[in-house]
Each structure stands twice: as C-alpha cells, then as structure tokens.
Protein backbone atom coordinates (compact mmCIF):
# COMPACT_ATOMS: atom_id res chain seq x y z
CA MET A 1 117.58 30.23 6.36
CA THR A 2 115.43 29.34 9.19
CA ASP A 3 116.10 28.11 12.74
CA VAL A 4 113.67 25.18 12.72
CA ILE A 5 111.80 23.32 9.88
CA VAL A 6 108.86 21.03 10.87
CA VAL A 7 107.71 18.30 8.27
CA GLY A 8 104.13 17.75 8.99
CA GLY A 9 101.49 20.14 10.33
CA GLY A 10 99.27 17.66 12.56
CA PRO A 11 99.26 18.12 16.43
CA ALA A 12 102.80 17.10 16.83
CA GLY A 13 104.18 19.30 14.12
CA LEU A 14 102.18 22.34 15.05
CA SER A 15 103.00 21.80 18.81
CA ALA A 16 106.57 21.90 18.04
CA GLY A 17 106.27 24.96 15.70
CA LEU A 18 104.32 26.80 18.36
CA PHE A 19 106.81 26.20 21.20
CA THR A 20 109.94 27.11 18.98
CA ALA A 21 108.31 30.10 17.32
CA LYS A 22 106.81 31.45 20.60
CA ASN A 23 110.27 31.49 22.23
CA GLY A 24 112.07 33.49 19.34
CA LEU A 25 113.19 30.66 16.84
CA GLU A 26 112.11 31.25 13.21
CA THR A 27 110.03 28.26 12.41
CA THR A 28 108.45 26.99 9.34
CA VAL A 29 105.95 24.25 9.19
CA PHE A 30 105.43 22.27 5.97
CA ASP A 31 101.81 21.26 6.07
CA THR A 32 100.13 18.97 3.33
CA ASP A 33 96.97 18.91 5.42
CA LYS A 34 96.95 15.04 5.34
CA THR A 35 96.50 14.58 8.92
CA TRP A 36 94.24 11.78 10.49
CA MET A 37 92.68 14.55 12.51
CA HIS A 38 90.14 15.23 9.77
CA LYS A 39 88.74 11.72 10.58
CA ALA A 40 88.70 12.23 14.33
CA HIS A 41 86.39 13.99 16.94
CA LEU A 42 88.11 14.87 20.20
CA TYR A 43 86.68 13.83 23.50
CA ASN A 44 89.80 12.61 25.08
CA TYR A 45 91.98 15.85 24.69
CA LEU A 46 92.68 17.47 27.87
CA GLY A 47 90.82 20.83 28.04
CA ILE A 48 88.63 20.04 25.21
CA GLU A 49 85.01 18.79 26.06
CA SER A 50 84.20 17.97 22.27
CA GLU A 51 85.53 19.09 19.05
CA ASP A 52 85.59 18.11 15.49
CA GLY A 53 89.10 17.23 14.33
CA THR A 54 89.00 19.43 11.40
CA GLN A 55 88.10 22.59 13.62
CA PHE A 56 90.76 21.51 16.02
CA MET A 57 93.24 21.69 13.01
CA ASP A 58 91.96 25.07 12.06
CA ASP A 59 92.20 26.35 15.77
CA SER A 60 95.69 24.90 16.08
CA ARG A 61 96.91 26.33 12.81
CA GLU A 62 95.66 29.71 13.93
CA GLN A 63 97.21 29.67 17.20
CA ALA A 64 100.71 28.53 15.83
CA GLU A 65 100.53 31.38 13.35
CA SER A 66 99.72 33.88 16.15
CA PHE A 67 103.11 32.93 17.63
CA GLY A 68 104.82 33.70 14.41
CA VAL A 69 105.00 30.10 12.72
CA GLU A 70 105.37 30.36 9.13
CA ARG A 71 103.19 27.77 7.49
CA VAL A 72 103.83 26.33 4.06
CA GLN A 73 100.59 24.95 2.92
CA GLY A 74 100.50 22.23 0.26
CA GLU A 75 104.14 22.20 -0.55
CA GLN A 76 105.08 18.59 0.06
CA VAL A 77 108.79 17.87 1.27
CA MET A 78 110.68 15.34 -0.86
CA ALA A 79 114.03 15.26 0.69
CA VAL A 80 115.88 16.31 3.87
CA GLU A 81 119.65 16.19 3.85
CA THR A 82 122.49 17.63 5.90
CA SER A 83 124.00 20.37 4.67
CA GLY A 84 127.79 21.38 4.98
CA ASP A 85 127.26 23.79 7.73
CA GLY A 86 125.89 21.22 10.30
CA GLY A 87 122.32 22.14 9.51
CA PHE A 88 119.68 20.82 7.02
CA THR A 89 118.60 21.23 3.75
CA VAL A 90 114.96 20.48 2.79
CA ARG A 91 113.64 20.12 -0.81
CA THR A 92 110.11 20.24 -1.96
CA GLU A 93 108.10 18.57 -4.65
CA ASP A 94 108.87 21.00 -7.34
CA GLY A 95 112.51 20.41 -6.82
CA GLU A 96 113.35 24.27 -7.32
CA ASN A 97 112.75 25.37 -3.82
CA GLU A 98 115.22 24.64 -1.11
CA TYR A 99 115.06 25.75 2.53
CA GLU A 100 117.94 25.63 5.10
CA ALA A 101 117.53 25.24 8.96
CA ASP A 102 119.55 24.30 12.00
CA TYR A 103 117.01 21.83 13.26
CA VAL A 104 114.35 19.57 11.58
CA VAL A 105 111.38 17.88 13.24
CA PHE A 106 109.63 15.02 11.56
CA ALA A 107 105.98 14.95 12.36
CA THR A 108 105.07 12.77 9.41
CA GLY A 109 102.86 10.31 10.91
CA THR A 110 103.50 6.63 9.79
CA ASN A 111 105.38 7.94 6.93
CA ARG A 112 108.95 7.63 8.13
CA GLY A 113 110.56 7.58 4.69
CA LEU A 114 112.16 11.10 5.13
CA ALA A 115 113.87 10.44 8.39
CA GLU A 116 115.03 7.18 7.10
CA GLU A 117 116.66 8.58 4.02
CA LEU A 118 118.37 11.13 6.18
CA GLY A 119 119.92 8.29 8.14
CA CYS A 120 117.81 8.24 11.33
CA ALA A 121 118.08 4.75 12.94
CA THR A 122 114.85 2.77 13.36
CA THR A 123 113.56 0.45 16.08
CA GLU A 124 112.57 -3.35 15.66
CA ASP A 125 108.97 -2.18 15.22
CA GLY A 126 109.89 0.11 12.39
CA THR A 127 109.36 3.41 14.08
CA ILE A 128 112.14 5.97 14.16
CA ASP A 129 114.34 5.63 17.19
CA VAL A 130 114.31 8.54 19.36
CA ASP A 131 115.42 9.64 22.96
CA ILE A 132 113.54 10.91 25.71
CA ASP A 133 113.52 14.34 24.03
CA MET A 134 112.46 12.97 20.70
CA GLU A 135 115.86 13.47 19.14
CA THR A 136 116.99 10.85 16.59
CA SER A 137 120.35 9.26 16.05
CA VAL A 138 121.13 12.22 13.66
CA ASP A 139 122.09 15.25 15.76
CA ASP A 140 119.30 18.08 15.70
CA ALA A 141 116.93 15.92 14.01
CA TYR A 142 113.67 15.06 15.84
CA ALA A 143 110.89 12.50 15.13
CA THR A 144 107.45 12.90 17.00
CA GLY A 145 103.98 11.28 17.25
CA ALA A 146 103.34 8.26 15.15
CA THR A 147 106.73 8.82 13.36
CA ALA A 148 108.53 7.52 16.64
CA ARG A 149 105.54 5.53 18.31
CA ALA A 150 104.06 2.46 17.20
CA GLU A 151 100.38 2.10 18.06
CA LYS A 152 100.11 5.28 20.14
CA TRP A 153 98.30 7.46 17.58
CA GLN A 154 96.64 9.85 19.87
CA ALA A 155 96.51 13.75 19.26
CA ILE A 156 97.41 14.54 22.76
CA ILE A 157 100.54 12.28 22.84
CA SER A 158 101.59 13.70 19.46
CA ALA A 159 101.22 17.45 20.66
CA GLY A 160 103.46 16.31 23.81
CA ASP A 161 106.05 14.76 21.62
CA GLY A 162 106.38 17.99 19.69
CA ALA A 163 106.56 19.98 22.80
CA ALA A 164 109.42 17.74 24.00
CA ALA A 165 111.15 18.19 20.76
CA ALA A 166 110.73 22.01 20.96
CA LEU A 167 111.96 22.10 24.48
CA ASP A 168 115.06 20.31 23.67
CA ILE A 169 115.90 22.50 20.63
CA LEU A 170 115.30 25.58 22.93
CA SER A 171 117.50 24.02 25.65
CA LYS A 172 120.37 23.74 23.13
CA GLU A 173 119.75 27.16 21.76
CA LYS A 174 119.86 28.70 25.33
CA GLY A 175 122.64 26.51 26.69
CA GLU A 176 120.73 25.36 29.54
CA ARG A 177 117.49 23.42 30.40
CA PHE A 178 114.61 25.66 28.96
CA HIS A 179 111.06 25.39 30.23
CA ASP A 180 108.13 27.12 28.70
CA PHE A 181 105.95 27.93 31.52
CA ASP A 182 103.61 30.91 31.31
CA VAL A 183 102.11 32.73 34.33
CA PRO A 184 99.04 35.07 34.13
CA ASP A 185 99.69 38.81 34.37
CA ASP A 186 99.28 40.44 37.84
CA GLU A 187 95.83 41.99 37.87
C-alpha cells in the first residue's frame, strides 16, 4: 500500500511525484521511459537555458528520487481499478503484481485508455476531463499533461499540471489548502 501511484514518468508524472513525496506521502511512479522528452531539446523551459531532453529526464528522475519517490522502471501498468476501500488497485503487465494506493495520477501522454477504463469522463476532443486541480470525474484520480490537454504538449505545462494535482492531493490529506513554498535557510 502506498499513498499515491503515478502512472507515467515524464515531466507531469515526476512533478506530481516530487511534490507528494517531498511532503510526506509515500509515492510510487511507474515509468516505462516512453516520454517524448527523448526527442526534445529544451530552450523554452523556465530556468533552463538549453538542455537535451534525455539529460533533463535523468536530472528530473534523480531529483524526484532524492525526495523519496519510488520509481518502478519498465513495469508497464495494464489496469487501474477502484478498490473496495475507496482507493485504487494497479495491475502491471505480468499480471502478478498489484499495487494499492489512495490516489492515482495519470501522466500517460496521449494514451488515455487506462483513465477511460477506470471510468474517467472525456471531453469532446477526446482528452480526459479534469477540473482546475486536474482531478477527473473519478474521485481521487487525476489526469495531467497531454492526458488532459489537447495540443498543449509542452514539458513546462505538463510539470505544472503534475504540481497542481499533487497540491490538491496534499490539500485533501491535510484538510486545508496546501502550498509548497520553500524559503532559503537564514544565513
């Protein structure tokens, strides 16, 4: 059992995982490494002057892991279902591994099948319908990045969506609006 399962290890998934793990929630990210970032070179990501997409992913994974994200590399999620206790059961490709979580975040790019099979509503353009906090029509299930946005496939937008989903999860857990705002230590 974990608090949060993130399906997808691109910018949206790693951002969601980083925020939840950094703030004390056990978080598992399933990463098949099929992100479009391997075809990208970043010139338009705030704070990064120029970086190869693969290097960006390596740096992002390292940062997420440093905050406690457990990454499951190469194990593909085949099904996400609601469980009897109000959470979610995630099954992987071998059919033998099952994972349980209170929250699930879909960061699966344009592959929206898992969210649809869970019962998440879609929009007219075929994306997963979300509210401003990236929550789907299924309570405690979130969709981020290209999963919820048609034609806005940018790493910085996806990372922001992941952060929005994570902050909503953290707000639910803490019972009040939560903001992840760090300040430097006094020198």
